[in-house]
Amino acid sequence: MKAQGDKRIALFARHPRTDPKTLVMHNQVYRLGELSEAYYESALVISSKFDGQPVSDIFLLPYLHLMRHAFELSLKDGIIVLKELKIEHFAADPEVTFNYMSPVDYVTDIGHNLTKLYNEFKREYNSFDFMEQLPKGIETVLNLLHQADISSTEFRYGTQPQDEPSYIDSESLCKELSEQFRKLEAVIDYAHDTCSYLPTKRYKKPDSHKPIKDSLIDEDE
């Protein structure tokens, strides 16, 4: 849902705010990390429907869809954060780092494959040689989510019927997904906070009249 220029979204124009108590504002610019958190919080609201009654079964797929999307956006946000840290502190060429695309276009181009996204995230994270290792539980959960919904459509439209139903402990399921999602967020925050103490060193395109070594700028000197 994207407005073009100053064009208003017709659906929103039909419902102008009249009461401050019911106000909700649409801002067209959000960081992926912010959206990821919003999808996660929305999944928690749905998880409150799991009460052991048959009527609650239908909420499983919407819950899993939101959780899967929260993980996907968090991974994409993490990839952008790690690459931006290289640009800010390690003089990485922004154009090369994002393959001559915008950061959002770069991660969008990777697609919805959670395994592929995590491998990219892991590669970027490990390239920093941080003291803290990636928690193994994150990769385990992501692989399981990927196996359950490879195309990112199974949870949206419904999985193929099974010969036998799966009897799931919703509390255990929700706990594991929540714990690993929070760990992924913590890893991204750790990487950002660790590098925030480093001096700024940005890349500058080489001037044809200057030697290559002069293209590195240490802004703290």
N, C-alpha and C. Protein backbone atom coordinates (compact mmCIF):
# COMPACT_ATOMS: atom_id res chain seq x y z
N MET A 1 0.86 -1.18 0.00
CA MET A 1 0.00 0.00 0.00
C MET A 1 0.89 1.22 0.00
N LYS A 2 1.03 1.86 -1.14
CA LYS A 2 1.97 2.96 -1.28
C LYS A 2 1.33 4.10 -2.04
N ALA A 3 1.32 5.27 -1.43
CA ALA A 3 0.79 6.44 -2.11
C ALA A 3 1.83 6.99 -3.06
N GLN A 4 1.37 7.50 -4.18
CA GLN A 4 2.27 8.07 -5.17
C GLN A 4 2.34 9.58 -4.97
N GLY A 5 3.51 10.09 -4.58
CA GLY A 5 3.67 11.52 -4.36
C GLY A 5 2.74 12.02 -3.28
N ASP A 6 1.96 13.06 -3.63
CA ASP A 6 1.03 13.65 -2.66
C ASP A 6 -0.37 13.03 -2.76
N LYS A 7 -0.52 12.00 -3.57
CA LYS A 7 -1.83 11.38 -3.75
C LYS A 7 -2.26 10.69 -2.47
N ARG A 8 -3.45 11.02 -2.00
CA ARG A 8 -3.96 10.45 -0.77
C ARG A 8 -4.52 9.06 -1.03
N ILE A 9 -4.44 8.21 -0.03
CA ILE A 9 -5.01 6.87 -0.12
C ILE A 9 -6.51 6.98 0.11
N ALA A 10 -7.28 6.57 -0.88
CA ALA A 10 -8.73 6.79 -0.86
C ALA A 10 -9.40 6.14 0.34
N LEU A 11 -8.95 4.97 0.71
CA LEU A 11 -9.55 4.28 1.85
C LEU A 11 -9.45 5.11 3.11
N PHE A 12 -8.30 5.73 3.31
CA PHE A 12 -8.10 6.56 4.50
C PHE A 12 -8.91 7.85 4.42
N ALA A 13 -9.02 8.41 3.21
CA ALA A 13 -9.77 9.66 3.02
C ALA A 13 -11.25 9.49 3.36
N ARG A 14 -11.75 8.27 3.24
CA ARG A 14 -13.16 8.00 3.56
C ARG A 14 -13.43 8.00 5.05
N HIS A 15 -12.36 7.95 5.84
CA HIS A 15 -12.53 7.85 7.30
C HIS A 15 -11.67 8.88 8.03
N PRO A 16 -11.96 10.15 7.83
CA PRO A 16 -11.17 11.18 8.51
C PRO A 16 -11.38 11.14 10.02
N ARG A 17 -10.35 11.48 10.73
CA ARG A 17 -10.43 11.44 12.20
C ARG A 17 -11.35 12.54 12.71
N THR A 18 -12.27 12.17 13.59
CA THR A 18 -13.18 13.15 14.22
C THR A 18 -13.06 13.13 15.73
N ASP A 19 -12.51 12.05 16.28
CA ASP A 19 -12.39 11.92 17.73
C ASP A 19 -10.95 11.55 18.07
N PRO A 20 -10.27 12.34 18.91
CA PRO A 20 -8.88 12.01 19.28
C PRO A 20 -8.73 10.61 19.86
N LYS A 21 -9.78 10.08 20.47
CA LYS A 21 -9.71 8.76 21.08
C LYS A 21 -9.61 7.65 20.04
N THR A 22 -10.02 7.94 18.83
CA THR A 22 -9.99 6.91 17.78
C THR A 22 -8.94 7.20 16.71
N LEU A 23 -8.08 8.18 16.98
CA LEU A 23 -7.08 8.59 15.99
C LEU A 23 -6.01 7.51 15.79
N VAL A 24 -5.74 7.20 14.54
CA VAL A 24 -4.59 6.39 14.16
C VAL A 24 -3.98 7.06 12.94
N MET A 25 -2.66 7.28 12.97
CA MET A 25 -2.01 8.02 11.89
C MET A 25 -1.22 7.07 11.01
N HIS A 26 -1.36 7.25 9.71
CA HIS A 26 -0.59 6.46 8.75
C HIS A 26 0.62 7.28 8.32
N ASN A 27 1.80 6.76 8.61
CA ASN A 27 3.05 7.36 8.17
C ASN A 27 3.65 6.41 7.15
N GLN A 28 3.96 6.92 5.98
CA GLN A 28 4.39 6.05 4.89
C GLN A 28 5.83 5.57 5.03
N VAL A 29 6.57 6.10 6.01
CA VAL A 29 7.97 5.73 6.16
C VAL A 29 8.20 5.07 7.52
N TYR A 30 8.54 3.81 7.51
CA TYR A 30 8.87 3.08 8.73
C TYR A 30 10.15 2.28 8.47
N ARG A 31 10.96 2.16 9.50
CA ARG A 31 12.08 1.22 9.40
C ARG A 31 11.52 -0.19 9.49
N LEU A 32 12.20 -1.11 8.84
CA LEU A 32 11.73 -2.50 8.86
C LEU A 32 11.70 -3.06 10.27
N GLY A 33 12.63 -2.60 11.11
CA GLY A 33 12.63 -3.06 12.50
C GLY A 33 11.38 -2.64 13.25
N GLU A 34 10.89 -1.43 12.96
CA GLU A 34 9.66 -0.95 13.58
C GLU A 34 8.47 -1.78 13.12
N LEU A 35 8.40 -2.04 11.83
CA LEU A 35 7.30 -2.86 11.31
C LEU A 35 7.36 -4.28 11.85
N SER A 36 8.58 -4.81 11.96
CA SER A 36 8.75 -6.15 12.50
C SER A 36 8.18 -6.23 13.91
N GLU A 37 8.48 -5.25 14.73
CA GLU A 37 7.96 -5.22 16.10
C GLU A 37 6.45 -5.13 16.11
N ALA A 38 5.88 -4.35 15.19
CA ALA A 38 4.42 -4.21 15.12
C ALA A 38 3.75 -5.52 14.74
N TYR A 39 4.35 -6.25 13.78
CA TYR A 39 3.79 -7.56 13.41
C TYR A 39 3.89 -8.53 14.58
N TYR A 40 5.00 -8.46 15.30
CA TYR A 40 5.18 -9.34 16.46
C TYR A 40 4.12 -9.05 17.52
N GLU A 41 3.92 -7.77 17.83
CA GLU A 41 2.91 -7.40 18.83
C GLU A 41 1.52 -7.81 18.38
N SER A 42 1.25 -7.71 17.08
CA SER A 42 -0.05 -8.13 16.56
C SER A 42 -0.24 -9.64 16.72
N ALA A 43 0.84 -10.39 16.52
CA ALA A 43 0.77 -11.84 16.72
C ALA A 43 0.45 -12.18 18.16
N LEU A 44 1.01 -11.40 19.09
CA LEU A 44 0.73 -11.64 20.51
C LEU A 44 -0.75 -11.44 20.81
N VAL A 45 -1.36 -10.45 20.18
CA VAL A 45 -2.79 -10.22 20.39
C VAL A 45 -3.59 -11.44 19.94
N ILE A 46 -3.23 -11.97 18.77
CA ILE A 46 -3.94 -13.15 18.26
C ILE A 46 -3.70 -14.36 19.16
N SER A 47 -2.48 -14.49 19.69
CA SER A 47 -2.17 -15.66 20.52
C SER A 47 -3.03 -15.72 21.77
N SER A 48 -3.59 -14.58 22.17
CA SER A 48 -4.47 -14.57 23.35
C SER A 48 -5.76 -15.31 23.08
N LYS A 49 -6.01 -15.62 21.81
CA LYS A 49 -7.22 -16.37 21.44
C LYS A 49 -7.09 -17.87 21.73
N PHE A 50 -5.86 -18.34 21.91
CA PHE A 50 -5.65 -19.77 22.13
C PHE A 50 -6.07 -20.14 23.56
N ASP A 51 -7.24 -20.76 23.66
CA ASP A 51 -7.76 -21.11 24.98
C ASP A 51 -8.16 -22.58 25.08
N GLY A 52 -7.72 -23.38 24.12
CA GLY A 52 -8.02 -24.81 24.18
C GLY A 52 -9.36 -25.18 23.59
N GLN A 53 -10.12 -24.19 23.14
CA GLN A 53 -11.44 -24.47 22.56
C GLN A 53 -11.31 -24.61 21.03
N PRO A 54 -12.16 -25.45 20.41
CA PRO A 54 -12.07 -25.67 18.96
C PRO A 54 -12.15 -24.38 18.14
N VAL A 55 -12.91 -23.40 18.63
CA VAL A 55 -13.09 -22.17 17.87
C VAL A 55 -11.78 -21.41 17.73
N SER A 56 -10.82 -21.67 18.62
CA SER A 56 -9.55 -20.94 18.57
C SER A 56 -8.58 -21.52 17.54
N ASP A 57 -8.87 -22.69 17.00
CA ASP A 57 -7.94 -23.35 16.06
C ASP A 57 -7.66 -22.49 14.83
N ILE A 58 -8.69 -21.79 14.35
CA ILE A 58 -8.54 -21.04 13.11
C ILE A 58 -7.57 -19.88 13.24
N PHE A 59 -7.27 -19.47 14.48
CA PHE A 59 -6.35 -18.35 14.67
C PHE A 59 -4.88 -18.77 14.57
N LEU A 60 -4.62 -20.08 14.47
CA LEU A 60 -3.24 -20.55 14.41
C LEU A 60 -2.51 -20.01 13.18
N LEU A 61 -3.12 -20.13 12.00
CA LEU A 61 -2.45 -19.70 10.77
C LEU A 61 -2.22 -18.18 10.74
N PRO A 62 -3.21 -17.35 11.10
CA PRO A 62 -2.92 -15.91 11.16
C PRO A 62 -1.79 -15.58 12.14
N TYR A 63 -1.76 -16.28 13.27
CA TYR A 63 -0.67 -16.06 14.24
C TYR A 63 0.67 -16.41 13.62
N LEU A 64 0.76 -17.58 12.99
CA LEU A 64 2.02 -18.01 12.39
C LEU A 64 2.43 -17.10 11.23
N HIS A 65 1.46 -16.64 10.46
CA HIS A 65 1.78 -15.72 9.36
C HIS A 65 2.41 -14.44 9.89
N LEU A 66 1.82 -13.89 10.95
CA LEU A 66 2.37 -12.65 11.51
C LEU A 66 3.75 -12.88 12.12
N MET A 67 3.94 -14.00 12.80
CA MET A 67 5.24 -14.30 13.39
C MET A 67 6.29 -14.51 12.32
N ARG A 68 5.92 -15.24 11.27
CA ARG A 68 6.88 -15.47 10.19
C ARG A 68 7.28 -14.15 9.56
N HIS A 69 6.30 -13.28 9.34
CA HIS A 69 6.60 -11.99 8.72
C HIS A 69 7.43 -11.12 9.65
N ALA A 70 7.17 -11.21 10.94
CA ALA A 70 7.98 -10.45 11.91
C ALA A 70 9.43 -10.89 11.84
N PHE A 71 9.67 -12.20 11.78
CA PHE A 71 11.04 -12.71 11.65
C PHE A 71 11.67 -12.23 10.33
N GLU A 72 10.89 -12.32 9.24
CA GLU A 72 11.42 -11.92 7.93
C GLU A 72 11.86 -10.46 7.93
N LEU A 73 11.01 -9.59 8.44
CA LEU A 73 11.34 -8.17 8.45
C LEU A 73 12.50 -7.87 9.41
N SER A 74 12.57 -8.61 10.51
CA SER A 74 13.68 -8.41 11.45
C SER A 74 15.00 -8.81 10.81
N LEU A 75 15.02 -9.90 10.08
CA LEU A 75 16.23 -10.32 9.38
C LEU A 75 16.64 -9.28 8.34
N LYS A 76 15.67 -8.78 7.58
CA LYS A 76 15.97 -7.78 6.57
C LYS A 76 16.48 -6.50 7.22
N ASP A 77 15.87 -6.12 8.32
CA ASP A 77 16.34 -4.95 9.06
C ASP A 77 17.77 -5.18 9.56
N GLY A 78 18.03 -6.39 10.08
CA GLY A 78 19.37 -6.70 10.58
C GLY A 78 20.42 -6.63 9.49
N ILE A 79 20.09 -7.12 8.31
CA ILE A 79 21.04 -7.05 7.18
C ILE A 79 21.37 -5.60 6.85
N ILE A 80 20.34 -4.76 6.82
CA ILE A 80 20.56 -3.35 6.52
C ILE A 80 21.40 -2.70 7.61
N VAL A 81 21.08 -2.97 8.87
CA VAL A 81 21.83 -2.39 9.99
C VAL A 81 23.31 -2.77 9.91
N LEU A 82 23.59 -4.03 9.69
CA LEU A 82 24.98 -4.50 9.64
C LEU A 82 25.73 -3.87 8.47
N LYS A 83 25.09 -3.77 7.32
CA LYS A 83 25.74 -3.16 6.17
C LYS A 83 25.95 -1.67 6.39
N GLU A 84 24.99 -1.01 7.02
CA GLU A 84 25.15 0.42 7.30
C GLU A 84 26.27 0.67 8.31
N LEU A 85 26.49 -0.25 9.23
CA LEU A 85 27.60 -0.14 10.16
C LEU A 85 28.94 -0.19 9.42
N LYS A 86 29.02 -1.04 8.40
CA LYS A 86 30.24 -1.12 7.60
C LYS A 86 30.47 0.18 6.84
N ILE A 87 29.38 0.77 6.36
CA ILE A 87 29.48 2.03 5.64
C ILE A 87 29.92 3.16 6.58
N GLU A 88 29.35 3.17 7.79
CA GLU A 88 29.60 4.25 8.75
C GLU A 88 30.95 4.15 9.43
N HIS A 89 31.40 2.94 9.71
CA HIS A 89 32.60 2.79 10.55
C HIS A 89 33.77 2.07 9.88
N PHE A 90 33.52 1.43 8.71
CA PHE A 90 34.58 0.65 8.09
C PHE A 90 34.83 1.05 6.63
N ALA A 91 34.37 2.25 6.28
CA ALA A 91 34.64 2.83 4.96
C ALA A 91 34.20 1.96 3.79
N ALA A 92 33.11 1.22 3.98
CA ALA A 92 32.58 0.41 2.88
C ALA A 92 31.91 1.32 1.85
N ASP A 93 32.08 0.98 0.60
CA ASP A 93 31.45 1.73 -0.48
C ASP A 93 29.94 1.46 -0.45
N PRO A 94 29.10 2.47 -0.21
CA PRO A 94 27.65 2.25 -0.11
C PRO A 94 27.04 1.60 -1.34
N GLU A 95 27.50 2.02 -2.51
CA GLU A 95 26.93 1.47 -3.75
C GLU A 95 27.26 0.00 -3.89
N VAL A 96 28.50 -0.36 -3.61
CA VAL A 96 28.91 -1.76 -3.72
C VAL A 96 28.25 -2.59 -2.63
N THR A 97 28.18 -2.03 -1.42
CA THR A 97 27.62 -2.76 -0.28
C THR A 97 26.19 -3.20 -0.53
N PHE A 98 25.40 -2.35 -1.15
CA PHE A 98 24.00 -2.67 -1.43
C PHE A 98 23.78 -3.00 -2.91
N ASN A 99 24.86 -3.40 -3.57
CA ASN A 99 24.77 -3.86 -4.96
C ASN A 99 24.07 -2.84 -5.85
N TYR A 100 24.38 -1.56 -5.63
CA TYR A 100 23.86 -0.47 -6.44
C TYR A 100 22.33 -0.36 -6.38
N MET A 101 21.78 -0.71 -5.23
CA MET A 101 20.36 -0.58 -4.97
C MET A 101 20.16 0.18 -3.67
N SER A 102 18.93 0.61 -3.43
CA SER A 102 18.61 1.17 -2.12
C SER A 102 18.64 0.03 -1.11
N PRO A 103 18.86 0.33 0.18
CA PRO A 103 18.87 -0.73 1.19
C PRO A 103 17.61 -1.60 1.18
N VAL A 104 16.45 -0.96 1.09
CA VAL A 104 15.19 -1.72 1.11
C VAL A 104 15.06 -2.56 -0.15
N ASP A 105 15.44 -2.00 -1.30
CA ASP A 105 15.38 -2.78 -2.54
C ASP A 105 16.33 -3.98 -2.48
N TYR A 106 17.47 -3.79 -1.82
CA TYR A 106 18.45 -4.87 -1.72
C TYR A 106 17.87 -6.06 -0.96
N VAL A 107 17.28 -5.81 0.21
CA VAL A 107 16.73 -6.92 0.99
C VAL A 107 15.46 -7.46 0.37
N THR A 108 14.70 -6.60 -0.29
CA THR A 108 13.50 -7.07 -1.00
C THR A 108 13.88 -8.04 -2.10
N ASP A 109 15.00 -7.76 -2.76
CA ASP A 109 15.47 -8.59 -3.86
C ASP A 109 15.85 -10.00 -3.38
N ILE A 110 16.23 -10.12 -2.11
CA ILE A 110 16.57 -11.44 -1.56
C ILE A 110 15.34 -12.34 -1.52
N GLY A 111 14.19 -11.72 -1.29
CA GLY A 111 12.95 -12.48 -1.30
C GLY A 111 12.43 -12.81 0.09
N HIS A 112 11.58 -13.84 0.17
CA HIS A 112 10.91 -14.20 1.41
C HIS A 112 11.48 -15.46 2.05
N ASN A 113 12.49 -16.04 1.44
CA ASN A 113 13.07 -17.29 1.93
C ASN A 113 13.82 -17.03 3.24
N LEU A 114 13.31 -17.56 4.34
CA LEU A 114 13.91 -17.30 5.65
C LEU A 114 15.31 -17.87 5.77
N THR A 115 15.54 -19.02 5.19
CA THR A 115 16.87 -19.62 5.26
C THR A 115 17.89 -18.76 4.51
N LYS A 116 17.51 -18.30 3.33
CA LYS A 116 18.39 -17.44 2.55
C LYS A 116 18.66 -16.12 3.27
N LEU A 117 17.63 -15.55 3.86
CA LEU A 117 17.79 -14.31 4.61
C LEU A 117 18.69 -14.50 5.82
N TYR A 118 18.48 -15.60 6.54
CA TYR A 118 19.31 -15.82 7.73
C TYR A 118 20.77 -16.06 7.34
N ASN A 119 21.01 -16.78 6.27
CA ASN A 119 22.39 -17.02 5.83
C ASN A 119 23.08 -15.70 5.48
N GLU A 120 22.34 -14.79 4.85
CA GLU A 120 22.90 -13.47 4.53
C GLU A 120 23.18 -12.69 5.82
N PHE A 121 22.22 -12.75 6.74
CA PHE A 121 22.39 -12.06 8.03
C PHE A 121 23.58 -12.63 8.79
N LYS A 122 23.67 -13.94 8.83
CA LYS A 122 24.77 -14.60 9.55
C LYS A 122 26.12 -14.25 8.93
N ARG A 123 26.18 -14.24 7.62
CA ARG A 123 27.43 -13.91 6.93
C ARG A 123 27.87 -12.49 7.28
N GLU A 124 26.93 -11.57 7.27
CA GLU A 124 27.26 -10.18 7.62
C GLU A 124 27.69 -10.06 9.07
N TYR A 125 26.94 -10.74 9.96
CA TYR A 125 27.25 -10.66 11.39
C TYR A 125 28.64 -11.23 11.68
N ASN A 126 28.92 -12.40 11.15
CA ASN A 126 30.20 -13.06 11.43
C ASN A 126 31.38 -12.31 10.83
N SER A 127 31.14 -11.49 9.83
CA SER A 127 32.24 -10.73 9.21
C SER A 127 32.79 -9.67 10.15
N PHE A 128 32.05 -9.34 11.22
CA PHE A 128 32.51 -8.34 12.17
C PHE A 128 33.41 -8.93 13.26
N ASP A 129 33.40 -10.24 13.41
CA ASP A 129 34.18 -10.89 14.45
C ASP A 129 33.79 -10.40 15.85
N PHE A 130 32.47 -10.33 16.10
CA PHE A 130 31.97 -9.93 17.41
C PHE A 130 32.32 -11.00 18.45
N MET A 131 32.42 -10.59 19.70
CA MET A 131 32.69 -11.53 20.78
C MET A 131 31.50 -12.45 21.02
N GLU A 132 30.29 -11.91 20.88
CA GLU A 132 29.07 -12.70 21.10
C GLU A 132 28.73 -13.50 19.85
N GLN A 133 28.52 -14.79 20.03
CA GLN A 133 28.14 -15.65 18.92
C GLN A 133 26.62 -15.61 18.72
N LEU A 134 26.18 -15.92 17.51
CA LEU A 134 24.74 -15.98 17.25
C LEU A 134 24.12 -17.15 18.01
N PRO A 135 23.04 -16.91 18.75
CA PRO A 135 22.36 -18.01 19.44
C PRO A 135 21.85 -19.05 18.44
N LYS A 136 22.16 -20.31 18.68
CA LYS A 136 21.78 -21.37 17.74
C LYS A 136 20.27 -21.55 17.64
N GLY A 137 19.57 -21.20 18.73
CA GLY A 137 18.13 -21.37 18.72
C GLY A 137 17.43 -20.56 17.64
N ILE A 138 18.01 -19.41 17.27
CA ILE A 138 17.40 -18.57 16.23
C ILE A 138 17.37 -19.32 14.91
N GLU A 139 18.50 -19.89 14.54
CA GLU A 139 18.59 -20.62 13.27
C GLU A 139 17.66 -21.82 13.27
N THR A 140 17.56 -22.51 14.40
CA THR A 140 16.68 -23.68 14.49
C THR A 140 15.24 -23.31 14.22
N VAL A 141 14.77 -22.26 14.87
CA VAL A 141 13.38 -21.82 14.69
C VAL A 141 13.14 -21.32 13.27
N LEU A 142 14.08 -20.58 12.72
CA LEU A 142 13.92 -20.08 11.36
C LEU A 142 13.86 -21.22 10.34
N ASN A 143 14.68 -22.23 10.55
CA ASN A 143 14.64 -23.39 9.65
C ASN A 143 13.29 -24.11 9.74
N LEU A 144 12.76 -24.22 10.94
CA LEU A 144 11.48 -24.88 11.13
C LEU A 144 10.34 -24.07 10.50
N LEU A 145 10.39 -22.75 10.67
CA LEU A 145 9.38 -21.89 10.05
C LEU A 145 9.48 -21.98 8.53
N HIS A 146 10.72 -22.03 8.03
CA HIS A 146 10.92 -22.13 6.59
C HIS A 146 10.36 -23.45 6.05
N GLN A 147 10.62 -24.53 6.76
CA GLN A 147 10.11 -25.83 6.33
C GLN A 147 8.59 -25.86 6.32
N ALA A 148 7.98 -25.17 7.28
CA ALA A 148 6.52 -25.17 7.38
C ALA A 148 5.87 -24.27 6.33
N ASP A 149 6.61 -23.24 5.91
CA ASP A 149 6.05 -22.27 4.96
C ASP A 149 7.17 -21.75 4.07
N ILE A 150 7.58 -22.56 3.11
CA ILE A 150 8.72 -22.23 2.26
C ILE A 150 8.42 -21.02 1.38
N SER A 151 7.22 -20.94 0.84
CA SER A 151 6.88 -19.90 -0.13
C SER A 151 6.32 -18.63 0.50
N SER A 152 6.14 -18.64 1.80
CA SER A 152 5.50 -17.54 2.54
C SER A 152 4.03 -17.38 2.17
N THR A 153 3.43 -18.44 1.64
CA THR A 153 2.00 -18.41 1.30
C THR A 153 1.19 -19.44 2.07
N GLU A 154 1.87 -20.45 2.64
CA GLU A 154 1.15 -21.52 3.33
C GLU A 154 0.35 -20.98 4.52
N PHE A 155 0.98 -20.13 5.32
CA PHE A 155 0.28 -19.58 6.49
C PHE A 155 -0.77 -18.56 6.08
N ARG A 156 -0.57 -17.91 4.93
CA ARG A 156 -1.54 -16.91 4.47
C ARG A 156 -2.80 -17.54 3.92
N TYR A 157 -2.63 -18.59 3.11
CA TYR A 157 -3.78 -19.17 2.41
C TYR A 157 -4.21 -20.52 2.94
N GLY A 158 -3.44 -21.08 3.86
CA GLY A 158 -3.80 -22.37 4.42
C GLY A 158 -2.93 -23.48 3.85
N THR A 159 -2.52 -24.37 4.71
CA THR A 159 -1.68 -25.49 4.29
C THR A 159 -2.54 -26.60 3.68
N GLN A 160 -1.88 -27.52 3.00
CA GLN A 160 -2.59 -28.67 2.43
C GLN A 160 -3.14 -29.54 3.56
N PRO A 161 -4.31 -30.12 3.36
CA PRO A 161 -4.88 -30.98 4.40
C PRO A 161 -3.95 -32.14 4.75
N GLN A 162 -3.88 -32.45 6.03
CA GLN A 162 -3.06 -33.56 6.50
C GLN A 162 -3.95 -34.78 6.74
N ASP A 163 -3.32 -35.95 6.63
CA ASP A 163 -4.08 -37.18 6.90
C ASP A 163 -4.50 -37.22 8.37
N GLU A 164 -3.62 -36.75 9.23
CA GLU A 164 -3.91 -36.71 10.66
C GLU A 164 -3.66 -35.29 11.18
N PRO A 165 -4.52 -34.77 12.03
CA PRO A 165 -4.31 -33.42 12.57
C PRO A 165 -3.11 -33.38 13.51
N SER A 166 -2.53 -32.20 13.65
CA SER A 166 -1.44 -31.99 14.60
C SER A 166 -2.02 -31.40 15.88
N TYR A 167 -1.70 -32.01 16.97
CA TYR A 167 -2.16 -31.52 18.28
C TYR A 167 -1.00 -30.74 18.92
N ILE A 168 -1.15 -29.42 18.97
CA ILE A 168 -0.05 -28.52 19.31
C ILE A 168 -0.28 -27.89 20.68
N ASP A 169 0.77 -27.81 21.45
CA ASP A 169 0.71 -27.04 22.70
C ASP A 169 0.97 -25.58 22.35
N SER A 170 -0.08 -24.78 22.33
CA SER A 170 0.04 -23.39 21.89
C SER A 170 0.96 -22.58 22.80
N GLU A 171 0.95 -22.88 24.08
CA GLU A 171 1.79 -22.12 25.01
C GLU A 171 3.27 -22.36 24.72
N SER A 172 3.63 -23.62 24.49
CA SER A 172 5.01 -23.97 24.19
C SER A 172 5.45 -23.36 22.85
N LEU A 173 4.57 -23.45 21.84
CA LEU A 173 4.87 -22.90 20.52
C LEU A 173 5.11 -21.40 20.59
N CYS A 174 4.17 -20.69 21.21
CA CYS A 174 4.27 -19.23 21.29
C CYS A 174 5.50 -18.80 22.10
N LYS A 175 5.80 -19.54 23.13
CA LYS A 175 6.96 -19.21 23.96
C LYS A 175 8.26 -19.31 23.18
N GLU A 176 8.41 -20.40 22.41
CA GLU A 176 9.65 -20.58 21.66
C GLU A 176 9.80 -19.52 20.58
N LEU A 177 8.73 -19.26 19.84
CA LEU A 177 8.82 -18.26 18.79
C LEU A 177 9.11 -16.87 19.35
N SER A 178 8.48 -16.54 20.46
CA SER A 178 8.71 -15.24 21.08
C SER A 178 10.13 -15.11 21.59
N GLU A 179 10.63 -16.14 22.24
CA GLU A 179 11.99 -16.10 22.79
C GLU A 179 13.02 -15.90 21.68
N GLN A 180 12.88 -16.62 20.59
CA GLN A 180 13.87 -16.52 19.52
C GLN A 180 13.74 -15.20 18.75
N PHE A 181 12.52 -14.69 18.65
CA PHE A 181 12.34 -13.39 18.01
C PHE A 181 13.03 -12.31 18.83
N ARG A 182 12.85 -12.35 20.15
CA ARG A 182 13.49 -11.37 21.03
C ARG A 182 15.02 -11.51 20.98
N LYS A 183 15.51 -12.73 20.86
CA LYS A 183 16.96 -12.93 20.77
C LYS A 183 17.51 -12.33 19.48
N LEU A 184 16.76 -12.49 18.40
CA LEU A 184 17.20 -11.90 17.13
C LEU A 184 17.26 -10.38 17.24
N GLU A 185 16.26 -9.79 17.83
CA GLU A 185 16.27 -8.34 18.05
C GLU A 185 17.46 -7.93 18.91
N ALA A 186 17.74 -8.73 19.95
CA ALA A 186 18.84 -8.41 20.86
C ALA A 186 20.19 -8.47 20.14
N VAL A 187 20.34 -9.42 19.23
CA VAL A 187 21.58 -9.54 18.46
C VAL A 187 21.80 -8.30 17.60
N ILE A 188 20.74 -7.84 16.94
CA ILE A 188 20.84 -6.65 16.10
C ILE A 188 21.21 -5.43 16.94
N ASP A 189 20.56 -5.30 18.10
CA ASP A 189 20.88 -4.19 19.00
C ASP A 189 22.32 -4.27 19.50
N TYR A 190 22.77 -5.48 19.81
CA TYR A 190 24.14 -5.68 20.28
C TYR A 190 25.15 -5.23 19.23
N ALA A 191 24.91 -5.62 17.98
CA ALA A 191 25.83 -5.25 16.91
C ALA A 191 25.87 -3.74 16.74
N HIS A 192 24.71 -3.12 16.75
CA HIS A 192 24.64 -1.67 16.59
C HIS A 192 25.32 -0.95 17.75
N ASP A 193 25.01 -1.38 18.97
CA ASP A 193 25.58 -0.72 20.15
C ASP A 193 27.09 -0.90 20.23
N THR A 194 27.57 -2.07 19.85
CA THR A 194 29.01 -2.33 19.91
C THR A 194 29.77 -1.43 18.95
N CYS A 195 29.23 -1.25 17.76
CA CYS A 195 29.92 -0.45 16.75
C CYS A 195 29.73 1.05 16.96
N SER A 196 28.74 1.43 17.77
CA SER A 196 28.47 2.86 17.96
C SER A 196 29.62 3.59 18.63
N TYR A 197 30.51 2.83 19.30
CA TYR A 197 31.65 3.45 19.97
C TYR A 197 32.85 3.61 19.05
N LEU A 198 32.77 3.07 17.86
CA LEU A 198 33.89 3.14 16.94
C LEU A 198 33.93 4.50 16.24
N PRO A 199 35.11 4.92 15.82
CA PRO A 199 35.20 6.19 15.08
C PRO A 199 34.52 6.08 13.72
N THR A 200 34.02 7.21 13.26
CA THR A 200 33.38 7.24 11.94
C THR A 200 34.44 7.24 10.85
N LYS A 201 34.26 6.36 9.89
CA LYS A 201 35.19 6.30 8.75
C LYS A 201 34.39 5.94 7.51
N ARG A 202 34.11 6.94 6.70
CA ARG A 202 33.26 6.73 5.52
C ARG A 202 34.09 6.69 4.24
N TYR A 203 33.51 6.07 3.27
CA TYR A 203 34.15 5.93 1.96
C TYR A 203 33.90 7.17 1.12
N LYS A 204 34.89 7.59 0.37
CA LYS A 204 34.73 8.66 -0.59
C LYS A 204 35.23 8.17 -1.93
N LYS A 205 34.44 8.42 -2.95
CA LYS A 205 34.85 7.96 -4.27
C LYS A 205 36.21 8.54 -4.63
N PRO A 206 37.08 7.69 -5.16
CA PRO A 206 38.43 8.17 -5.52
C PRO A 206 38.36 9.27 -6.57
N ASP A 207 39.17 10.29 -6.35
CA ASP A 207 39.32 11.35 -7.34
C ASP A 207 40.35 10.90 -8.36
N SER A 208 40.07 11.15 -9.60
CA SER A 208 40.98 10.68 -10.65
C SER A 208 42.37 11.29 -10.53
N HIS A 209 42.49 12.40 -9.75
CA HIS A 209 43.77 13.06 -9.61
C HIS A 209 44.45 12.73 -8.28
N LYS A 210 43.80 11.86 -7.48
CA LYS A 210 44.37 11.52 -6.18
C LYS A 210 44.64 10.03 -6.11
N PRO A 211 45.61 9.62 -5.30
CA PRO A 211 45.85 8.18 -5.12
C PRO A 211 44.69 7.53 -4.39
N ILE A 212 44.50 6.21 -4.60
CA ILE A 212 43.38 5.48 -4.00
C ILE A 212 43.37 5.60 -2.49
N LYS A 213 44.54 5.64 -1.86
CA LYS A 213 44.58 5.64 -0.39
C LYS A 213 43.91 6.88 0.20
N ASP A 214 43.79 7.96 -0.60
CA ASP A 214 43.17 9.18 -0.11
C ASP A 214 41.65 9.12 -0.13
N SER A 215 41.10 8.02 -0.62
CA SER A 215 39.64 7.90 -0.70
C SER A 215 39.01 7.49 0.61
N LEU A 216 39.84 7.14 1.62
CA LEU A 216 39.31 6.81 2.94
C LEU A 216 39.36 8.03 3.81
N ILE A 217 38.23 8.37 4.43
CA ILE A 217 38.14 9.56 5.25
C ILE A 217 37.88 9.16 6.69
N ASP A 218 38.75 9.59 7.57
CA ASP A 218 38.53 9.37 8.99
C ASP A 218 38.00 10.68 9.56
N GLU A 219 36.70 10.72 9.84
CA GLU A 219 36.05 11.96 10.25
C GLU A 219 36.38 12.35 11.67
N ASP A 220 37.02 11.46 12.43
CA ASP A 220 37.36 11.79 13.80
C ASP A 220 38.78 12.36 13.92
N GLU A 221 39.48 12.43 12.82
CA GLU A 221 40.83 12.99 12.85
C GLU A 221 40.76 14.53 12.81
